[in-house]
């Protein structure tokens, strides 16, 4: 399944899923058995982990926090992952992929409410303003990401000012606002509750 991990490349014919949608090797094109039960749950967890660029230990930590919070665990998990700083930079259109957004944050090019934050898993709050450092306004990579984002739908919980390379968190994201393709968080909850 196409997860759009490579930014602009996923929208062109160079996308690996478009060129070759089967495993490598001489038996890659052979018919694979249908997955059921545990395999489906595991695949869904791996898909969500890779979409947000998390390691297993990080993902398990987020799940534990989501399970302790009030409300449905699956929705809490999705909301926590959406609130990560690297994801907010991506959703605001300041980076063309989550991995690029993570690199921008790690290298100290992102400010949250005027302070430098270089931790990708920083949880944004209502009222936080996420902005790019002044010297990054002329960066070709950031400009390309901003132009690519002009055509995409903005996250409804963010107020985006693309001209000034800023985004303001107006509300907490809701499960309905998450535009990640075909994620079923209930399968992840079932997997971890075994």
N, C-alpha and C. Protein backbone atom coordinates (compact mmCIF):
# COMPACT_ATOMS: atom_id res chain seq x y z
N UNK A 1 0.84 -1.17 0.00
CA UNK A 1 0.00 0.00 0.00
C UNK A 1 0.89 1.24 0.00
N UNK A 2 0.50 2.23 -0.74
CA UNK A 2 1.26 3.47 -0.83
C UNK A 2 1.03 4.30 0.43
N UNK A 3 2.10 4.62 1.15
CA UNK A 3 2.01 5.38 2.40
C UNK A 3 2.43 6.83 2.24
N UNK A 4 2.89 7.23 1.05
CA UNK A 4 3.32 8.59 0.78
C UNK A 4 4.45 9.03 1.71
N UNK A 5 5.45 8.16 1.87
CA UNK A 5 6.57 8.44 2.75
C UNK A 5 7.66 9.27 2.09
N UNK A 6 7.69 9.32 0.77
CA UNK A 6 8.77 9.98 0.06
C UNK A 6 8.42 11.36 -0.47
N UNK A 7 7.34 11.95 0.01
CA UNK A 7 6.99 13.30 -0.39
C UNK A 7 6.55 13.38 -1.83
N UNK A 8 7.14 14.28 -2.59
CA UNK A 8 6.75 14.55 -3.96
C UNK A 8 6.93 13.33 -4.86
N UNK A 9 7.90 12.50 -4.58
CA UNK A 9 8.17 11.33 -5.41
C UNK A 9 6.97 10.38 -5.46
N UNK A 10 6.17 10.34 -4.40
CA UNK A 10 5.01 9.44 -4.36
C UNK A 10 3.91 9.88 -5.32
N UNK A 11 3.96 11.11 -5.80
CA UNK A 11 2.94 11.59 -6.72
C UNK A 11 3.37 11.46 -8.18
N UNK A 12 4.56 10.90 -8.41
CA UNK A 12 5.05 10.75 -9.78
C UNK A 12 5.13 9.27 -10.14
N UNK A 13 5.54 8.98 -11.37
CA UNK A 13 5.66 7.59 -11.81
C UNK A 13 6.92 6.92 -11.25
N UNK A 14 7.77 7.67 -10.54
CA UNK A 14 8.97 7.09 -9.94
C UNK A 14 8.68 6.36 -8.63
N UNK A 15 7.45 6.43 -8.15
CA UNK A 15 7.09 5.79 -6.89
C UNK A 15 7.31 4.28 -6.99
N UNK A 16 7.94 3.70 -5.98
CA UNK A 16 8.27 2.27 -6.00
C UNK A 16 7.01 1.40 -6.06
N UNK A 17 5.94 1.83 -5.42
CA UNK A 17 4.70 1.05 -5.43
C UNK A 17 4.11 1.01 -6.84
N UNK A 18 4.25 2.09 -7.58
CA UNK A 18 3.73 2.13 -8.94
C UNK A 18 4.57 1.25 -9.87
N UNK A 19 5.90 1.26 -9.67
CA UNK A 19 6.78 0.51 -10.55
C UNK A 19 6.73 -1.00 -10.27
N UNK A 20 6.77 -1.36 -8.99
CA UNK A 20 6.85 -2.77 -8.64
C UNK A 20 6.11 -2.99 -7.33
N UNK A 21 4.93 -3.56 -7.41
CA UNK A 21 4.11 -3.75 -6.22
C UNK A 21 4.08 -5.22 -5.81
N UNK A 22 5.26 -5.81 -5.66
CA UNK A 22 5.38 -7.18 -5.18
C UNK A 22 6.74 -7.33 -4.51
N UNK A 23 6.89 -8.32 -3.62
CA UNK A 23 8.16 -8.51 -2.92
C UNK A 23 9.28 -8.88 -3.89
N UNK A 24 10.54 -8.60 -3.53
CA UNK A 24 11.66 -8.95 -4.40
C UNK A 24 11.91 -10.45 -4.40
N UNK A 25 12.66 -10.89 -5.38
CA UNK A 25 13.04 -12.30 -5.46
C UNK A 25 12.27 -13.04 -6.52
N UNK A 26 12.69 -14.28 -6.79
CA UNK A 26 12.08 -15.04 -7.87
C UNK A 26 10.66 -15.48 -7.53
N UNK A 27 10.31 -15.57 -6.25
CA UNK A 27 8.96 -15.97 -5.87
C UNK A 27 8.10 -14.77 -5.47
N UNK A 28 8.58 -13.57 -5.74
CA UNK A 28 7.86 -12.37 -5.33
C UNK A 28 6.52 -12.20 -5.98
N UNK A 29 6.39 -12.64 -7.26
CA UNK A 29 5.14 -12.46 -7.95
C UNK A 29 4.18 -13.63 -7.75
N UNK A 30 4.62 -14.64 -7.03
CA UNK A 30 3.74 -15.78 -6.76
C UNK A 30 2.60 -15.34 -5.84
N UNK A 31 1.52 -16.06 -5.92
CA UNK A 31 0.34 -15.71 -5.13
C UNK A 31 0.65 -15.90 -3.64
N UNK A 32 0.38 -14.86 -2.86
CA UNK A 32 0.60 -14.95 -1.42
C UNK A 32 -0.68 -15.39 -0.72
N UNK A 33 -0.55 -16.12 0.38
CA UNK A 33 -1.76 -16.54 1.09
C UNK A 33 -2.49 -15.33 1.70
N UNK A 34 -3.77 -15.45 1.83
CA UNK A 34 -4.59 -14.37 2.39
C UNK A 34 -4.29 -14.24 3.89
N UNK A 35 -4.10 -12.99 4.33
CA UNK A 35 -3.80 -12.77 5.74
C UNK A 35 -5.10 -12.65 6.54
N UNK A 36 -5.09 -13.22 7.72
CA UNK A 36 -6.24 -13.13 8.62
C UNK A 36 -5.74 -12.92 10.03
N UNK A 37 -6.60 -12.42 10.89
CA UNK A 37 -6.33 -12.32 12.32
C UNK A 37 -5.09 -11.52 12.68
N UNK A 38 -4.13 -12.20 13.29
CA UNK A 38 -2.93 -11.56 13.79
C UNK A 38 -2.16 -10.84 12.69
N UNK A 39 -2.07 -11.46 11.50
CA UNK A 39 -1.33 -10.86 10.39
C UNK A 39 -1.90 -9.52 9.98
N UNK A 40 -3.23 -9.41 9.94
CA UNK A 40 -3.89 -8.16 9.57
C UNK A 40 -3.61 -7.09 10.63
N UNK A 41 -3.70 -7.48 11.90
CA UNK A 41 -3.45 -6.53 12.99
C UNK A 41 -2.00 -6.06 12.97
N UNK A 42 -1.07 -6.98 12.78
CA UNK A 42 0.34 -6.63 12.74
C UNK A 42 0.64 -5.70 11.57
N UNK A 43 0.08 -5.99 10.41
CA UNK A 43 0.29 -5.16 9.23
C UNK A 43 -0.22 -3.74 9.47
N UNK A 44 -1.36 -3.61 10.15
CA UNK A 44 -1.92 -2.28 10.44
C UNK A 44 -1.03 -1.50 11.40
N UNK A 45 -0.49 -2.20 12.40
CA UNK A 45 0.43 -1.54 13.34
C UNK A 45 1.70 -1.09 12.62
N UNK A 46 2.25 -1.95 11.77
CA UNK A 46 3.46 -1.60 11.03
C UNK A 46 3.20 -0.42 10.10
N UNK A 47 2.02 -0.40 9.49
CA UNK A 47 1.68 0.70 8.59
C UNK A 47 1.64 2.03 9.35
N UNK A 48 1.01 2.03 10.53
CA UNK A 48 0.93 3.27 11.31
C UNK A 48 2.31 3.68 11.82
N UNK A 49 3.12 2.72 12.26
CA UNK A 49 4.47 3.02 12.71
C UNK A 49 5.29 3.67 11.61
N UNK A 50 5.24 3.10 10.43
CA UNK A 50 6.03 3.62 9.31
C UNK A 50 5.50 4.94 8.80
N UNK A 51 4.19 5.11 8.85
CA UNK A 51 3.60 6.38 8.40
C UNK A 51 4.12 7.53 9.25
N UNK A 52 4.16 7.35 10.55
CA UNK A 52 4.61 8.41 11.46
C UNK A 52 6.10 8.36 11.75
N UNK A 53 6.81 7.36 11.23
CA UNK A 53 8.27 7.28 11.38
C UNK A 53 8.71 6.96 12.79
N UNK A 54 8.04 6.02 13.45
CA UNK A 54 8.37 5.67 14.83
C UNK A 54 9.02 4.30 14.92
N UNK A 55 9.80 4.12 15.96
CA UNK A 55 10.35 2.81 16.28
C UNK A 55 9.36 2.06 17.16
N UNK A 56 9.59 0.77 17.34
CA UNK A 56 8.65 -0.05 18.10
C UNK A 56 8.49 0.44 19.54
N UNK A 57 9.59 0.77 20.19
CA UNK A 57 9.53 1.20 21.59
C UNK A 57 8.77 2.52 21.72
N UNK A 58 9.00 3.44 20.80
CA UNK A 58 8.28 4.71 20.82
C UNK A 58 6.79 4.47 20.63
N UNK A 59 6.45 3.62 19.67
CA UNK A 59 5.04 3.36 19.37
C UNK A 59 4.34 2.72 20.56
N UNK A 60 5.03 1.77 21.20
CA UNK A 60 4.45 1.11 22.38
C UNK A 60 4.24 2.11 23.51
N UNK A 61 5.16 3.06 23.65
CA UNK A 61 5.02 4.11 24.67
C UNK A 61 3.79 4.97 24.40
N UNK A 62 3.60 5.37 23.14
CA UNK A 62 2.42 6.15 22.78
C UNK A 62 1.14 5.35 23.04
N UNK A 63 1.16 4.06 22.73
CA UNK A 63 -0.03 3.25 22.97
C UNK A 63 -0.33 3.17 24.46
N UNK A 64 0.69 3.01 25.30
CA UNK A 64 0.47 2.94 26.75
C UNK A 64 -0.12 4.24 27.27
N UNK A 65 0.37 5.39 26.78
CA UNK A 65 -0.20 6.68 27.20
C UNK A 65 -1.64 6.83 26.72
N UNK A 66 -1.92 6.36 25.51
CA UNK A 66 -3.27 6.45 24.97
C UNK A 66 -4.24 5.56 25.74
N UNK A 67 -3.76 4.41 26.19
CA UNK A 67 -4.61 3.49 26.95
C UNK A 67 -4.95 4.07 28.33
N UNK A 68 -4.01 4.83 28.91
CA UNK A 68 -4.26 5.43 30.23
C UNK A 68 -5.21 6.64 30.15
N UNK A 69 -5.26 7.31 29.01
CA UNK A 69 -6.09 8.50 28.86
C UNK A 69 -7.56 8.11 28.76
N UNK A 70 -8.43 9.05 29.09
CA UNK A 70 -9.86 8.80 28.99
C UNK A 70 -10.30 8.84 27.54
N UNK A 71 -11.28 8.02 27.21
CA UNK A 71 -11.79 7.97 25.86
C UNK A 71 -11.31 6.74 25.13
N UNK A 72 -11.71 6.60 23.87
CA UNK A 72 -11.29 5.42 23.09
C UNK A 72 -9.78 5.43 22.85
N UNK A 73 -9.15 4.30 23.11
CA UNK A 73 -7.70 4.20 23.02
C UNK A 73 -7.20 4.47 21.60
N UNK A 74 -7.88 3.93 20.60
CA UNK A 74 -7.44 4.12 19.22
C UNK A 74 -7.46 5.58 18.80
N UNK A 75 -8.53 6.29 19.16
CA UNK A 75 -8.62 7.72 18.81
C UNK A 75 -7.57 8.52 19.57
N UNK A 76 -7.36 8.18 20.84
CA UNK A 76 -6.33 8.87 21.63
C UNK A 76 -4.95 8.68 21.00
N UNK A 77 -4.68 7.47 20.52
CA UNK A 77 -3.40 7.19 19.88
C UNK A 77 -3.21 8.05 18.64
N UNK A 78 -4.23 8.09 17.80
CA UNK A 78 -4.13 8.89 16.57
C UNK A 78 -3.94 10.38 16.89
N UNK A 79 -4.64 10.87 17.88
CA UNK A 79 -4.54 12.29 18.25
C UNK A 79 -3.14 12.60 18.78
N UNK A 80 -2.58 11.70 19.59
CA UNK A 80 -1.23 11.93 20.11
C UNK A 80 -0.20 11.95 18.99
N UNK A 81 -0.35 11.06 18.03
CA UNK A 81 0.59 11.01 16.91
C UNK A 81 0.46 12.25 16.03
N UNK A 82 -0.75 12.77 15.88
CA UNK A 82 -0.95 13.97 15.08
C UNK A 82 -0.37 15.21 15.77
N UNK A 83 -0.31 15.22 17.09
CA UNK A 83 0.19 16.37 17.84
C UNK A 83 1.70 16.47 17.88
N UNK A 84 2.40 15.46 17.40
CA UNK A 84 3.88 15.50 17.39
C UNK A 84 4.35 16.68 16.54
N UNK A 85 5.43 17.31 16.94
CA UNK A 85 5.93 18.49 16.24
C UNK A 85 6.32 18.18 14.80
N UNK A 86 6.98 17.05 14.56
CA UNK A 86 7.35 16.74 13.18
C UNK A 86 6.13 16.55 12.30
N UNK A 87 5.06 15.99 12.84
CA UNK A 87 3.83 15.83 12.08
C UNK A 87 3.16 17.18 11.81
N UNK A 88 3.20 18.09 12.77
CA UNK A 88 2.60 19.41 12.59
C UNK A 88 3.35 20.18 11.49
N UNK A 89 4.68 20.07 11.49
CA UNK A 89 5.47 20.73 10.44
C UNK A 89 5.08 20.16 9.07
N UNK A 90 4.89 18.85 9.00
CA UNK A 90 4.47 18.22 7.74
C UNK A 90 3.06 18.66 7.34
N UNK A 91 2.12 18.63 8.27
CA UNK A 91 0.73 19.01 7.99
C UNK A 91 0.61 20.48 7.59
N UNK A 92 1.51 21.32 8.13
CA UNK A 92 1.48 22.74 7.79
C UNK A 92 2.05 23.02 6.41
N UNK A 93 2.65 22.02 5.80
CA UNK A 93 3.20 22.20 4.46
C UNK A 93 4.59 22.81 4.46
N UNK A 94 5.29 22.74 5.58
CA UNK A 94 6.65 23.27 5.66
C UNK A 94 7.68 22.22 5.29
N UNK A 95 7.24 20.98 5.11
CA UNK A 95 8.11 19.89 4.67
C UNK A 95 7.29 18.98 3.77
N UNK A 96 7.94 18.34 2.81
CA UNK A 96 7.20 17.51 1.87
C UNK A 96 6.95 16.09 2.37
N UNK A 97 7.63 15.68 3.45
CA UNK A 97 7.39 14.37 4.04
C UNK A 97 7.64 14.47 5.55
N UNK A 98 7.16 13.46 6.28
CA UNK A 98 7.37 13.47 7.73
C UNK A 98 8.84 13.30 8.07
N UNK A 99 9.57 12.52 7.29
CA UNK A 99 11.00 12.35 7.58
C UNK A 99 11.75 13.65 7.33
N UNK A 100 11.36 14.40 6.32
CA UNK A 100 11.98 15.70 6.07
C UNK A 100 11.63 16.67 7.21
N UNK A 101 10.39 16.61 7.68
CA UNK A 101 9.98 17.46 8.80
C UNK A 101 10.77 17.11 10.06
N UNK A 102 10.98 15.82 10.28
CA UNK A 102 11.75 15.37 11.43
C UNK A 102 13.18 15.90 11.37
N UNK A 103 13.77 15.90 10.18
CA UNK A 103 15.13 16.40 10.01
C UNK A 103 15.18 17.90 10.27
N UNK A 104 14.20 18.64 9.77
CA UNK A 104 14.16 20.09 10.01
C UNK A 104 14.08 20.38 11.50
N UNK A 105 13.25 19.63 12.21
CA UNK A 105 13.11 19.84 13.66
C UNK A 105 14.40 19.48 14.37
N UNK A 106 14.97 18.33 14.04
CA UNK A 106 16.18 17.86 14.71
C UNK A 106 17.35 18.81 14.51
N UNK A 107 17.43 19.44 13.34
CA UNK A 107 18.53 20.36 13.06
C UNK A 107 18.29 21.76 13.60
N UNK A 108 17.17 21.96 14.30
CA UNK A 108 16.93 23.22 14.98
C UNK A 108 16.39 24.33 14.10
N UNK A 109 15.72 23.99 13.01
CA UNK A 109 15.19 25.02 12.11
C UNK A 109 13.75 25.41 12.43
N UNK A 110 13.17 24.84 13.48
CA UNK A 110 11.77 25.08 13.82
C UNK A 110 11.67 25.76 15.18
N UNK A 111 10.80 26.74 15.26
CA UNK A 111 10.52 27.46 16.51
C UNK A 111 9.07 27.17 16.93
N UNK A 112 8.88 26.96 18.22
CA UNK A 112 7.53 26.79 18.77
C UNK A 112 7.32 27.93 19.75
N UNK A 113 6.39 28.80 19.42
CA UNK A 113 6.09 29.99 20.24
C UNK A 113 7.36 30.80 20.51
N UNK A 114 8.21 30.94 19.49
CA UNK A 114 9.40 31.75 19.59
C UNK A 114 10.62 31.05 20.16
N UNK A 115 10.48 29.82 20.65
CA UNK A 115 11.62 29.08 21.22
C UNK A 115 12.07 27.99 20.28
N UNK A 116 13.37 27.77 20.22
CA UNK A 116 13.90 26.68 19.39
C UNK A 116 13.57 25.35 20.05
N UNK A 117 12.96 24.46 19.29
CA UNK A 117 12.66 23.11 19.77
C UNK A 117 13.24 22.14 18.76
N UNK A 118 14.12 21.26 19.23
CA UNK A 118 14.74 20.29 18.32
C UNK A 118 14.38 18.85 18.67
N UNK A 119 13.20 18.67 19.27
CA UNK A 119 12.72 17.36 19.66
C UNK A 119 11.50 17.03 18.80
N UNK A 120 11.62 16.06 17.89
CA UNK A 120 10.51 15.77 16.98
C UNK A 120 9.23 15.30 17.66
N UNK A 121 9.34 14.66 18.83
CA UNK A 121 8.14 14.16 19.48
C UNK A 121 7.54 15.16 20.47
N UNK A 122 7.95 16.41 20.41
CA UNK A 122 7.36 17.46 21.24
C UNK A 122 5.87 17.55 20.93
N UNK A 123 5.04 17.54 21.98
CA UNK A 123 3.58 17.61 21.80
C UNK A 123 3.14 19.07 21.78
N UNK A 124 2.56 19.50 20.67
CA UNK A 124 2.06 20.87 20.58
C UNK A 124 0.77 20.99 21.37
N UNK A 125 0.51 22.21 21.83
CA UNK A 125 -0.69 22.51 22.61
C UNK A 125 -1.50 23.57 21.87
N UNK A 126 -2.72 23.77 22.30
CA UNK A 126 -3.56 24.81 21.71
C UNK A 126 -2.89 26.16 21.96
N UNK A 127 -2.79 26.96 20.92
CA UNK A 127 -2.18 28.28 21.02
C UNK A 127 -0.72 28.32 20.61
N UNK A 128 -0.08 27.16 20.46
CA UNK A 128 1.33 27.13 20.03
C UNK A 128 1.43 27.62 18.59
N UNK A 129 2.49 28.38 18.32
CA UNK A 129 2.77 28.83 16.97
C UNK A 129 4.06 28.16 16.50
N UNK A 130 3.95 27.39 15.43
CA UNK A 130 5.09 26.68 14.86
C UNK A 130 5.56 27.47 13.66
N UNK A 131 6.84 27.85 13.66
CA UNK A 131 7.38 28.68 12.58
C UNK A 131 8.77 28.18 12.20
N UNK A 132 9.11 28.43 10.95
CA UNK A 132 10.46 28.11 10.47
C UNK A 132 11.40 29.25 10.84
N UNK A 133 12.65 28.90 11.07
CA UNK A 133 13.68 29.89 11.34
C UNK A 133 13.80 30.83 10.14
N UNK A 134 14.14 32.07 10.39
CA UNK A 134 14.18 33.11 9.35
C UNK A 134 15.07 32.71 8.17
N UNK A 135 16.22 32.11 8.44
CA UNK A 135 17.15 31.79 7.35
C UNK A 135 16.63 30.66 6.47
N UNK A 136 15.66 29.89 6.93
CA UNK A 136 15.10 28.78 6.16
C UNK A 136 14.03 29.24 5.16
N UNK A 137 13.65 30.50 5.21
CA UNK A 137 12.61 31.00 4.30
C UNK A 137 13.06 30.98 2.84
N UNK A 138 14.36 30.97 2.60
CA UNK A 138 14.89 30.94 1.25
C UNK A 138 15.39 29.56 0.84
N UNK A 139 15.26 28.59 1.70
CA UNK A 139 15.74 27.23 1.42
C UNK A 139 14.89 26.61 0.31
N UNK A 140 15.54 26.03 -0.69
CA UNK A 140 14.83 25.46 -1.84
C UNK A 140 13.91 24.31 -1.43
N UNK A 141 14.36 23.49 -0.51
CA UNK A 141 13.57 22.35 -0.06
C UNK A 141 12.28 22.81 0.61
N UNK A 142 12.36 23.82 1.45
CA UNK A 142 11.19 24.35 2.15
C UNK A 142 10.25 25.05 1.18
N UNK A 143 10.81 25.79 0.24
CA UNK A 143 9.98 26.47 -0.76
C UNK A 143 9.25 25.46 -1.64
N UNK A 144 9.92 24.38 -2.02
CA UNK A 144 9.28 23.35 -2.82
C UNK A 144 8.14 22.68 -2.04
N UNK A 145 8.37 22.41 -0.76
CA UNK A 145 7.34 21.80 0.08
C UNK A 145 6.14 22.73 0.21
N UNK A 146 6.40 24.02 0.36
CA UNK A 146 5.30 24.98 0.49
C UNK A 146 4.48 25.04 -0.79
N UNK A 147 5.15 25.02 -1.94
CA UNK A 147 4.43 25.03 -3.22
C UNK A 147 3.63 23.76 -3.43
N UNK A 148 4.17 22.63 -3.00
CA UNK A 148 3.45 21.36 -3.10
C UNK A 148 2.21 21.38 -2.20
N UNK A 149 2.32 21.98 -1.03
CA UNK A 149 1.22 22.00 -0.07
C UNK A 149 0.09 22.93 -0.49
N UNK A 150 0.34 23.85 -1.41
CA UNK A 150 -0.71 24.76 -1.86
C UNK A 150 -1.88 23.98 -2.45
N UNK A 151 -1.60 22.83 -3.06
CA UNK A 151 -2.64 22.04 -3.72
C UNK A 151 -3.35 21.07 -2.79
N UNK A 152 -2.82 20.88 -1.59
CA UNK A 152 -3.38 19.88 -0.68
C UNK A 152 -4.29 20.55 0.35
N UNK A 153 -5.19 19.75 0.90
CA UNK A 153 -6.08 20.24 1.94
C UNK A 153 -5.31 20.46 3.24
N UNK A 154 -5.59 21.57 3.88
CA UNK A 154 -4.92 21.87 5.15
C UNK A 154 -5.66 21.16 6.29
N UNK A 155 -4.94 20.86 7.34
CA UNK A 155 -5.55 20.25 8.52
C UNK A 155 -6.48 21.28 9.16
N UNK A 156 -7.73 20.92 9.45
CA UNK A 156 -8.69 21.90 9.97
C UNK A 156 -8.35 22.42 11.37
N UNK A 157 -7.50 21.74 12.09
CA UNK A 157 -7.16 22.18 13.43
C UNK A 157 -5.95 23.11 13.45
N UNK A 158 -5.39 23.38 12.27
CA UNK A 158 -4.25 24.29 12.14
C UNK A 158 -4.65 25.53 11.35
N UNK A 159 -4.17 26.68 11.78
CA UNK A 159 -4.31 27.91 11.01
C UNK A 159 -2.95 28.15 10.36
N UNK A 160 -2.89 28.03 9.04
CA UNK A 160 -1.62 28.04 8.33
C UNK A 160 -1.41 29.36 7.61
N UNK A 161 -0.24 29.95 7.82
CA UNK A 161 0.18 31.16 7.11
C UNK A 161 1.41 30.78 6.29
N UNK A 162 1.17 30.34 5.06
CA UNK A 162 2.27 29.83 4.23
C UNK A 162 3.22 30.93 3.78
N UNK A 163 2.74 32.14 3.67
CA UNK A 163 3.61 33.25 3.23
C UNK A 163 4.70 33.54 4.26
N UNK A 164 4.35 33.40 5.54
CA UNK A 164 5.31 33.68 6.62
C UNK A 164 5.88 32.40 7.22
N UNK A 165 5.60 31.25 6.61
CA UNK A 165 6.12 29.96 7.08
C UNK A 165 5.73 29.69 8.53
N UNK A 166 4.45 29.87 8.84
CA UNK A 166 3.96 29.69 10.22
C UNK A 166 2.69 28.85 10.21
N UNK A 167 2.42 28.25 11.36
CA UNK A 167 1.16 27.55 11.60
C UNK A 167 0.81 27.72 13.07
N UNK A 168 -0.46 27.92 13.35
CA UNK A 168 -0.93 28.07 14.73
C UNK A 168 -1.90 26.93 15.04
N UNK A 169 -1.75 26.34 16.22
CA UNK A 169 -2.63 25.25 16.64
C UNK A 169 -3.87 25.89 17.26
N UNK A 170 -5.01 25.78 16.56
CA UNK A 170 -6.26 26.38 17.04
C UNK A 170 -7.06 25.44 17.92
N UNK A 171 -6.93 24.15 17.70
CA UNK A 171 -7.70 23.16 18.46
C UNK A 171 -6.92 21.85 18.45
N UNK A 172 -7.34 20.95 19.30
CA UNK A 172 -6.74 19.62 19.29
C UNK A 172 -7.30 18.86 18.08
N UNK A 173 -6.48 18.06 17.43
CA UNK A 173 -7.00 17.29 16.29
C UNK A 173 -8.04 16.27 16.76
N UNK A 174 -9.00 16.01 15.91
CA UNK A 174 -10.00 14.97 16.19
C UNK A 174 -9.71 13.80 15.26
N UNK A 175 -10.27 12.66 15.58
CA UNK A 175 -10.04 11.47 14.74
C UNK A 175 -10.53 11.71 13.32
N UNK A 176 -11.61 12.44 13.16
CA UNK A 176 -12.17 12.70 11.83
C UNK A 176 -11.23 13.58 10.99
N UNK A 177 -10.37 14.36 11.65
CA UNK A 177 -9.46 15.27 10.94
C UNK A 177 -8.24 14.57 10.36
N UNK A 178 -7.95 13.38 10.83
CA UNK A 178 -6.76 12.66 10.40
C UNK A 178 -6.99 12.13 8.99
N UNK A 179 -6.12 12.53 8.06
CA UNK A 179 -6.30 12.19 6.66
C UNK A 179 -5.37 11.07 6.22
N UNK A 180 -4.87 10.30 7.15
CA UNK A 180 -3.96 9.20 6.82
C UNK A 180 -4.76 8.11 6.10
N UNK A 181 -4.26 7.58 5.00
CA UNK A 181 -5.04 6.64 4.20
C UNK A 181 -5.33 5.32 4.90
N UNK A 182 -6.61 5.04 5.06
CA UNK A 182 -7.12 3.71 5.45
C UNK A 182 -6.47 3.11 6.69
N UNK A 183 -6.30 3.91 7.73
CA UNK A 183 -5.78 3.35 8.98
C UNK A 183 -6.95 2.94 9.86
N UNK A 184 -6.89 1.74 10.39
CA UNK A 184 -7.91 1.24 11.29
C UNK A 184 -7.25 1.04 12.65
N UNK A 185 -7.36 2.04 13.51
CA UNK A 185 -6.67 1.97 14.79
C UNK A 185 -7.24 0.92 15.72
N UNK A 186 -8.47 0.47 15.47
CA UNK A 186 -9.08 -0.56 16.31
C UNK A 186 -8.30 -1.88 16.21
N UNK A 187 -7.75 -2.16 15.04
CA UNK A 187 -6.94 -3.37 14.89
C UNK A 187 -5.68 -3.31 15.75
N UNK A 188 -5.12 -2.12 15.90
CA UNK A 188 -3.92 -1.95 16.74
C UNK A 188 -4.27 -2.15 18.20
N UNK A 189 -5.41 -1.62 18.62
CA UNK A 189 -5.87 -1.81 19.99
C UNK A 189 -6.07 -3.29 20.27
N UNK A 190 -6.68 -4.01 19.33
CA UNK A 190 -6.88 -5.44 19.51
C UNK A 190 -5.55 -6.19 19.58
N UNK A 191 -4.58 -5.77 18.78
CA UNK A 191 -3.27 -6.42 18.80
C UNK A 191 -2.59 -6.26 20.16
N UNK A 192 -2.59 -5.05 20.69
CA UNK A 192 -1.89 -4.80 21.96
C UNK A 192 -2.68 -5.31 23.16
N UNK A 193 -3.97 -5.55 23.03
CA UNK A 193 -4.75 -6.00 24.18
C UNK A 193 -4.72 -7.52 24.35
N UNK A 194 -3.95 -8.21 23.52
CA UNK A 194 -3.85 -9.68 23.64
C UNK A 194 -3.02 -10.07 24.83
